[in-house]
Amino acid sequence: MNLNTSQTPETETTTQATASSTETKKKPLEDEGGQFKSENAPKLHVNLDHWKLKESEKPSFKRRATIEAVKLTILFFLLSPICLFQLTRILLFFPDQTAYDIAQPLQFIEEKLKTKVEEVKFKTANGKLLNGLYFARQGAKQVFLLSHGNAGNNAHRLPNIVHMLNLGASVLVYDYQGYGKSEGDPSVKGIVEDGVAAYDFLHKVKGWSPKQILAYGESLGCAVTCQIAKQREVAGIVLQSGFSSLPIAARDRFIWLHLFPDFTFPQPQLNNCDFLAHSKAPLLLIHGEKDYVLPIKYADQMFAAASCPKQLVRLKNSGHNDVLNLDLKEYTAALGSFMKSLDEQS
């Protein structure tokens, strides 16, 4: 028993030593921070510093964020004019290409108002053919060039035209590109060119003198009218239910458009106040006090900006589209008085 007991530790010790020796021989190289170590291998040091960026060379998060923000800002401003061009077509223009049957009201106008009615066509600057209605009032000394709003077409303006004819004037109403029977598609630049083409038709084809032409704008047509008067001589300007400038009105209606600076808006920017500050043509502003589409503050802004002989008629009962229904007497009185004052000056 004593012999076996005394030999057992030796046997275990020998076994452990053998295992330790085997583990030492089989122990792989270990990587410790670039140093390869082994009890039975020479020490080898590999410097990996040149593979790593120094802290000073690494762009900080703040710097990277700033660079990305600048890139996005540049991209935003580069794309803004394109985006706004498309948004303008969606949000600003509501063309109606319906061919309404207006034969009966036109016959009434011809018979009762001593007026010859003619459907006319003329080309705009880009070669598109525009459609219009020309009302030649017997004995008329003045003619209204009517630029309508952003919705509907010529047929919807017959009530306005009847009252203008009753006041003794002739009238030309026309459809912008993409409206009614006019060719093309509407755009900010295009509607201005359309208005100028309509003026030239009145002057060159129908023979009206600039001193006889009254440029009349309704809503969006107010901006077209101002641009016509900027490029051509007119006897007077009538702006009904208009805005002071397109960027201002657009931002008031869609607050997110404040993200876009002025230069990103489609050209021309249709700034009526800027035009009126330099215009010398007599001006009549007509606006409903209950207009919630284009509030009367825009008329106040245009009146304040205008440097020409001017008058602002505030219609107490009217909104944007119901002037002829709610304040017809005041409307026709203001228009008739304005026409008379211009006739006396000519």
Protein backbone atom coordinates (compact mmCIF):
# COMPACT_ATOMS: atom_id res chain seq x y z
CA MET A 1 0.00 0.00 0.00
CA ASN A 2 2.77 2.40 0.90
CA LEU A 3 4.57 1.63 -2.36
CA ASN A 4 1.54 2.32 -4.47
CA THR A 5 0.77 5.42 -2.54
CA SER A 6 4.26 6.85 -2.91
CA GLN A 7 4.37 6.17 -6.66
CA THR A 8 1.09 7.75 -7.52
CA PRO A 9 2.20 11.41 -7.15
CA GLU A 10 5.29 10.78 -9.24
CA THR A 11 3.22 9.25 -12.00
CA GLU A 12 0.84 12.23 -11.96
CA THR A 13 3.72 14.68 -11.96
CA THR A 14 5.31 12.99 -14.92
CA THR A 15 2.02 12.94 -16.77
CA GLN A 16 1.42 16.66 -16.12
CA ALA A 17 4.92 17.56 -17.22
CA THR A 18 4.48 15.61 -20.43
CA ALA A 19 1.16 17.33 -21.14
CA SER A 20 2.68 20.74 -20.39
CA SER A 21 5.54 20.04 -22.75
CA THR A 22 3.10 18.97 -25.43
CA GLU A 23 0.99 22.13 -24.97
CA THR A 24 4.13 24.28 -25.18
CA LYS A 25 5.16 22.72 -28.44
CA LYS A 26 1.69 23.08 -29.95
CA LYS A 27 0.97 26.60 -28.66
CA PRO A 28 0.27 28.87 -31.65
CA LEU A 29 1.61 32.35 -32.16
CA GLU A 30 -0.47 34.99 -30.38
CA ASP A 31 -1.04 38.54 -31.59
CA GLU A 32 -0.80 41.07 -28.78
CA GLY A 33 -0.91 44.58 -30.10
CA GLY A 34 1.32 43.80 -33.05
CA GLN A 35 3.81 41.57 -31.15
CA PHE A 36 3.92 37.89 -32.00
CA LYS A 37 5.00 35.83 -28.98
CA SER A 38 5.84 32.25 -28.32
CA GLU A 39 7.99 30.73 -25.67
CA ASN A 40 9.90 28.80 -28.32
CA ALA A 41 9.95 31.46 -31.08
CA PRO A 42 12.02 34.62 -31.48
CA LYS A 43 10.18 37.84 -30.71
CA LEU A 44 8.91 39.69 -33.82
CA HIS A 45 7.58 43.26 -33.77
CA VAL A 46 5.53 44.68 -36.68
CA ASN A 47 4.65 48.39 -36.56
CA LEU A 48 1.08 48.88 -37.88
CA ASP A 49 0.90 52.61 -37.15
CA HIS A 50 1.36 53.54 -40.80
CA TRP A 51 -1.79 51.55 -41.61
CA LYS A 52 -3.90 53.64 -39.27
CA LEU A 53 -5.15 57.23 -39.64
CA LYS A 54 -3.88 59.49 -36.94
CA GLU A 55 -6.62 61.09 -34.86
CA SER A 56 -5.82 64.50 -36.32
CA GLU A 57 -6.34 63.12 -39.84
CA LYS A 58 -9.78 61.64 -39.16
CA PRO A 59 -12.64 64.05 -40.14
CA SER A 60 -14.67 64.87 -37.06
CA PHE A 61 -18.38 64.11 -36.98
CA LYS A 62 -19.14 67.83 -36.90
CA ARG A 63 -17.03 68.46 -39.99
CA ARG A 64 -18.58 65.55 -41.89
CA ALA A 65 -22.08 66.74 -40.95
CA THR A 66 -21.24 70.27 -42.14
CA ILE A 67 -19.96 68.98 -45.49
CA GLU A 68 -23.08 66.88 -46.02
CA ALA A 69 -25.32 69.81 -45.07
CA VAL A 70 -23.56 72.04 -47.61
CA LYS A 71 -23.98 69.39 -50.30
CA LEU A 72 -27.68 69.02 -49.55
CA THR A 73 -28.16 72.80 -49.52
CA ILE A 74 -26.49 73.18 -52.91
CA LEU A 75 -28.57 70.31 -54.30
CA PHE A 76 -31.74 71.85 -52.86
CA PHE A 77 -31.13 75.20 -54.56
CA LEU A 78 -30.16 73.55 -57.83
CA LEU A 79 -33.35 71.50 -57.88
CA SER A 80 -35.66 74.18 -56.44
CA PRO A 81 -36.43 75.94 -59.76
CA ILE A 82 -37.26 72.57 -61.34
CA CYS A 83 -39.44 71.53 -58.41
CA LEU A 84 -41.23 74.88 -58.25
CA PHE A 85 -41.82 74.85 -62.00
CA GLN A 86 -43.71 71.59 -61.64
CA LEU A 87 -45.47 72.71 -58.44
CA THR A 88 -46.57 75.91 -60.17
CA ARG A 89 -48.32 73.96 -62.90
CA ILE A 90 -50.09 71.84 -60.29
CA LEU A 91 -51.02 74.55 -57.76
CA LEU A 92 -51.51 77.63 -59.93
CA PHE A 93 -53.27 76.54 -63.11
CA PHE A 94 -56.68 74.88 -63.36
CA PRO A 95 -57.44 74.98 -67.10
CA ASP A 96 -60.87 74.06 -68.39
CA GLN A 97 -60.87 72.75 -71.96
CA THR A 98 -64.59 72.09 -72.09
CA ALA A 99 -66.27 73.40 -75.24
CA TYR A 100 -69.37 74.98 -73.70
CA ASP A 101 -72.39 75.74 -75.84
CA ILE A 102 -72.64 79.53 -75.58
CA ALA A 103 -74.49 80.14 -78.84
CA GLN A 104 -77.61 81.41 -77.11
CA PRO A 105 -75.96 84.04 -74.87
CA LEU A 106 -73.82 85.20 -77.78
CA GLN A 107 -76.93 85.62 -79.90
CA PHE A 108 -78.52 87.65 -77.10
CA ILE A 109 -75.46 89.89 -76.95
CA GLU A 110 -75.50 90.50 -80.69
CA GLU A 111 -79.21 91.30 -80.82
CA LYS A 112 -79.70 93.28 -77.62
CA LEU A 113 -76.38 95.04 -77.13
CA LYS A 114 -75.61 96.14 -80.70
CA THR A 115 -72.45 94.07 -80.70
CA LYS A 116 -70.78 91.93 -83.33
CA VAL A 117 -69.34 88.75 -81.79
CA GLU A 118 -66.39 87.04 -83.46
CA GLU A 119 -64.35 83.99 -82.50
CA VAL A 120 -60.73 84.90 -83.19
CA LYS A 121 -57.40 83.10 -83.27
CA PHE A 122 -53.87 84.46 -83.08
CA LYS A 123 -50.40 83.09 -82.37
CA THR A 124 -48.41 83.60 -79.20
CA ALA A 125 -44.61 83.97 -79.04
CA ASN A 126 -43.89 80.23 -79.14
CA GLY A 127 -46.13 79.68 -82.15
CA LYS A 128 -49.11 78.20 -80.30
CA LEU A 129 -52.54 79.21 -81.53
CA LEU A 130 -54.70 81.03 -78.99
CA ASN A 131 -58.47 81.26 -79.05
CA GLY A 132 -60.47 84.34 -78.11
CA LEU A 133 -63.83 86.09 -78.39
CA TYR A 134 -63.93 89.60 -79.77
CA PHE A 135 -66.98 91.75 -79.00
CA ALA A 136 -67.14 94.83 -81.25
CA ARG A 137 -69.60 97.25 -79.63
CA GLN A 138 -71.18 99.70 -82.05
CA GLY A 139 -69.78 103.20 -81.48
CA ALA A 140 -67.26 102.10 -78.82
CA LYS A 141 -64.35 104.45 -78.13
CA GLN A 142 -62.58 102.09 -75.72
CA VAL A 143 -61.81 98.39 -75.64
CA PHE A 144 -61.17 96.12 -72.66
CA LEU A 145 -58.43 93.52 -72.96
CA LEU A 146 -59.67 90.96 -70.44
CA SER A 147 -57.13 88.56 -68.89
CA HIS A 148 -59.04 86.06 -66.77
CA GLY A 149 -58.11 84.08 -63.65
CA ASN A 150 -56.48 80.70 -63.22
CA ALA A 151 -59.62 78.56 -63.63
CA GLY A 152 -62.35 78.12 -66.23
CA ASN A 153 -62.12 79.63 -69.70
CA ASN A 154 -63.61 82.36 -71.91
CA ALA A 155 -67.16 81.10 -71.52
CA HIS A 156 -67.17 81.80 -67.78
CA ARG A 157 -66.44 85.52 -68.37
CA LEU A 158 -69.61 86.34 -70.31
CA PRO A 159 -71.28 88.07 -67.30
CA ASN A 160 -68.30 90.44 -66.96
CA ILE A 161 -68.35 91.08 -70.68
CA VAL A 162 -72.06 91.94 -70.73
CA HIS A 163 -71.51 94.68 -68.14
CA MET A 164 -68.52 96.07 -70.01
CA LEU A 165 -70.59 96.19 -73.20
CA ASN A 166 -73.41 97.90 -71.32
CA LEU A 167 -70.91 100.60 -70.35
CA GLY A 168 -70.22 101.23 -74.05
CA ALA A 169 -66.88 99.46 -74.54
CA SER A 170 -65.75 96.69 -76.86
CA VAL A 171 -64.05 93.62 -75.35
CA LEU A 172 -61.44 91.01 -76.24
CA VAL A 173 -61.27 87.99 -73.95
CA TYR A 174 -58.79 85.21 -74.70
CA ASP A 175 -57.73 81.87 -73.28
CA TYR A 176 -54.19 81.19 -72.10
CA GLN A 177 -52.33 78.24 -73.55
CA GLY A 178 -53.98 75.02 -72.41
CA TYR A 179 -57.30 76.74 -71.60
CA GLY A 180 -60.45 76.41 -73.68
CA LYS A 181 -59.59 75.93 -77.35
CA SER A 182 -56.08 77.38 -77.06
CA GLU A 183 -53.14 75.14 -77.88
CA GLY A 184 -50.20 74.36 -75.59
CA ASP A 185 -49.81 74.14 -71.83
CA PRO A 186 -49.97 76.96 -69.27
CA SER A 187 -46.87 78.36 -67.58
CA VAL A 188 -45.94 81.59 -65.80
CA LYS A 189 -43.83 82.75 -68.73
CA GLY A 190 -46.45 81.55 -71.20
CA ILE A 191 -49.43 83.45 -69.80
CA VAL A 192 -47.46 86.70 -70.03
CA GLU A 193 -46.58 86.00 -73.65
CA ASP A 194 -50.23 85.15 -74.30
CA GLY A 195 -51.36 88.49 -72.88
CA VAL A 196 -48.88 90.44 -74.99
CA ALA A 197 -50.00 88.51 -78.09
CA ALA A 198 -53.63 89.43 -77.34
CA TYR A 199 -52.66 93.11 -77.03
CA ASP A 200 -50.81 92.98 -80.35
CA PHE A 201 -53.86 91.39 -81.98
CA LEU A 202 -56.07 94.24 -80.75
CA HIS A 203 -53.61 96.88 -81.84
CA LYS A 204 -52.27 95.51 -85.12
CA VAL A 205 -55.18 93.44 -86.43
CA LYS A 206 -58.22 95.24 -85.01
CA GLY A 207 -56.66 98.68 -85.23
CA TRP A 208 -57.17 99.93 -81.67
CA SER A 209 -54.89 102.72 -80.52
CA PRO A 210 -52.89 102.21 -77.28
CA LYS A 211 -54.77 105.21 -75.86
CA GLN A 212 -58.02 103.27 -76.29
CA ILE A 213 -56.94 99.97 -74.73
CA LEU A 214 -57.90 99.31 -71.10
CA ALA A 215 -55.98 96.34 -69.68
CA TYR A 216 -58.29 94.47 -67.31
CA GLY A 217 -57.12 91.64 -65.06
CA GLU A 218 -59.08 89.30 -62.84
CA SER A 219 -57.28 87.36 -60.05
CA LEU A 220 -54.20 85.76 -61.69
CA GLY A 221 -55.01 87.89 -64.72
CA CYS A 222 -54.03 90.97 -62.70
CA ALA A 223 -50.41 89.84 -62.90
CA VAL A 224 -50.75 89.22 -66.64
CA THR A 225 -52.29 92.68 -67.04
CA CYS A 226 -49.39 94.33 -65.21
CA GLN A 227 -46.91 92.52 -67.44
CA ILE A 228 -48.82 93.60 -70.56
CA ALA A 229 -48.74 97.21 -69.38
CA LYS A 230 -45.04 96.84 -68.61
CA GLN A 231 -44.31 95.89 -72.22
CA ARG A 232 -46.99 97.83 -74.07
CA GLU A 233 -48.66 101.23 -73.75
CA VAL A 234 -52.20 101.19 -72.33
CA ALA A 235 -54.78 103.88 -71.55
CA GLY A 236 -55.54 102.47 -68.11
CA ILE A 237 -55.29 99.43 -65.84
CA VAL A 238 -58.07 97.67 -63.92
CA LEU A 239 -57.09 95.03 -61.35
CA GLN A 240 -59.91 93.02 -59.81
CA SER A 241 -59.26 90.65 -56.89
CA GLY A 242 -55.53 90.31 -57.53
CA PHE A 243 -52.37 89.65 -55.52
CA SER A 244 -49.40 91.92 -54.85
CA SER A 245 -46.77 89.38 -55.94
CA LEU A 246 -46.82 85.67 -56.72
CA PRO A 247 -44.13 84.64 -54.16
CA ILE A 248 -45.92 86.51 -51.36
CA ALA A 249 -49.35 85.09 -52.20
CA ALA A 250 -47.95 81.58 -52.64
CA ARG A 251 -46.18 81.64 -49.26
CA ASP A 252 -49.28 82.99 -47.54
CA ARG A 253 -51.28 80.09 -48.90
CA PHE A 254 -48.66 77.35 -48.53
CA ILE A 255 -46.41 78.04 -45.55
CA TRP A 256 -43.81 75.45 -46.59
CA LEU A 257 -42.97 77.62 -49.61
CA HIS A 258 -41.07 79.88 -47.19
CA LEU A 259 -38.28 77.31 -47.63
CA PHE A 260 -37.79 78.59 -51.18
CA PRO A 261 -36.06 81.97 -51.71
CA ASP A 262 -37.43 84.39 -54.28
CA PHE A 263 -34.93 83.53 -57.01
CA THR A 264 -36.15 79.92 -57.13
CA PHE A 265 -39.68 80.94 -58.16
CA PRO A 266 -40.59 80.74 -61.87
CA GLN A 267 -39.69 83.78 -63.94
CA PRO A 268 -41.08 86.36 -64.32
CA GLN A 269 -42.01 86.54 -60.64
CA LEU A 270 -45.22 88.49 -61.29
CA ASN A 271 -44.49 91.21 -58.76
CA ASN A 272 -47.35 93.66 -59.30
CA CYS A 273 -46.16 96.08 -56.61
CA ASP A 274 -42.79 96.44 -58.27
CA PHE A 275 -44.43 97.25 -61.61
CA LEU A 276 -46.97 99.69 -60.14
CA ALA A 277 -44.21 101.61 -58.37
CA HIS A 278 -42.92 102.68 -61.79
CA SER A 279 -46.08 102.71 -63.92
CA LYS A 280 -47.68 105.97 -65.03
CA ALA A 281 -50.92 104.47 -66.39
CA PRO A 282 -54.07 105.36 -64.38
CA LEU A 283 -55.06 102.52 -62.05
CA LEU A 284 -58.38 101.21 -60.70
CA LEU A 285 -58.26 98.52 -58.01
CA ILE A 286 -61.46 96.59 -57.20
CA HIS A 287 -61.47 94.08 -54.35
CA GLY A 288 -63.98 92.34 -52.09
CA GLU A 289 -63.49 92.84 -48.37
CA LYS A 290 -64.61 89.24 -47.75
CA ASP A 291 -62.16 87.72 -50.21
CA TYR A 292 -60.48 84.82 -48.41
CA VAL A 293 -58.78 83.42 -51.51
CA LEU A 294 -56.71 86.55 -52.14
CA PRO A 295 -57.34 88.85 -49.15
CA ILE A 296 -57.90 92.56 -49.65
CA LYS A 297 -54.54 93.28 -48.01
CA TYR A 298 -53.01 92.61 -51.43
CA ALA A 299 -55.07 95.45 -52.92
CA ASP A 300 -53.90 97.69 -50.07
CA GLN A 301 -50.29 96.75 -50.81
CA MET A 302 -50.67 97.50 -54.51
CA PHE A 303 -52.42 100.78 -53.81
CA ALA A 304 -49.62 101.84 -51.45
CA ALA A 305 -46.95 100.88 -53.99
CA ALA A 306 -48.55 102.59 -57.00
CA SER A 307 -47.08 105.93 -58.06
CA CYS A 308 -49.68 106.59 -60.79
CA PRO A 309 -53.15 108.18 -60.53
CA LYS A 310 -55.02 105.52 -58.56
CA GLN A 311 -58.28 104.52 -56.93
CA LEU A 312 -59.18 101.58 -54.68
CA VAL A 313 -62.81 100.45 -54.52
CA ARG A 314 -63.52 98.18 -51.55
CA LEU A 315 -66.61 96.04 -52.05
CA LYS A 316 -68.11 95.36 -48.62
CA ASN A 317 -70.16 92.26 -49.44
CA SER A 318 -68.01 90.45 -51.98
CA GLY A 319 -65.60 87.57 -51.75
CA HIS A 320 -63.35 86.39 -54.57
CA ASN A 321 -65.78 85.07 -57.17
CA ASP A 322 -69.09 86.78 -56.37
CA VAL A 323 -68.44 90.45 -57.11
CA LEU A 324 -71.09 90.63 -59.83
CA ASN A 325 -73.65 88.95 -57.60
CA LEU A 326 -73.18 90.90 -54.38
CA ASP A 327 -71.82 94.33 -55.32
CA LEU A 328 -72.83 94.81 -58.95
CA LYS A 329 -74.00 98.40 -58.52
CA GLU A 330 -70.75 99.53 -56.89
CA TYR A 331 -68.71 97.54 -59.41
CA THR A 332 -70.33 99.00 -62.53
CA ALA A 333 -70.31 102.51 -61.04
CA ALA A 334 -66.56 102.32 -60.38
CA LEU A 335 -65.82 100.90 -63.81
CA GLY A 336 -68.01 103.43 -65.60
CA SER A 337 -66.48 106.34 -63.72
CA PHE A 338 -62.97 105.14 -64.54
CA MET A 339 -63.80 104.80 -68.24
CA LYS A 340 -65.27 108.30 -68.29
CA SER A 341 -62.20 109.85 -66.66
CA LEU A 342 -59.92 108.20 -69.23
CA ASP A 343 -62.13 109.31 -72.11
CA GLU A 344 -61.95 112.90 -70.90
CA GLN A 345 -58.15 112.75 -70.76
CA SER A 346 -57.77 111.39 -74.30
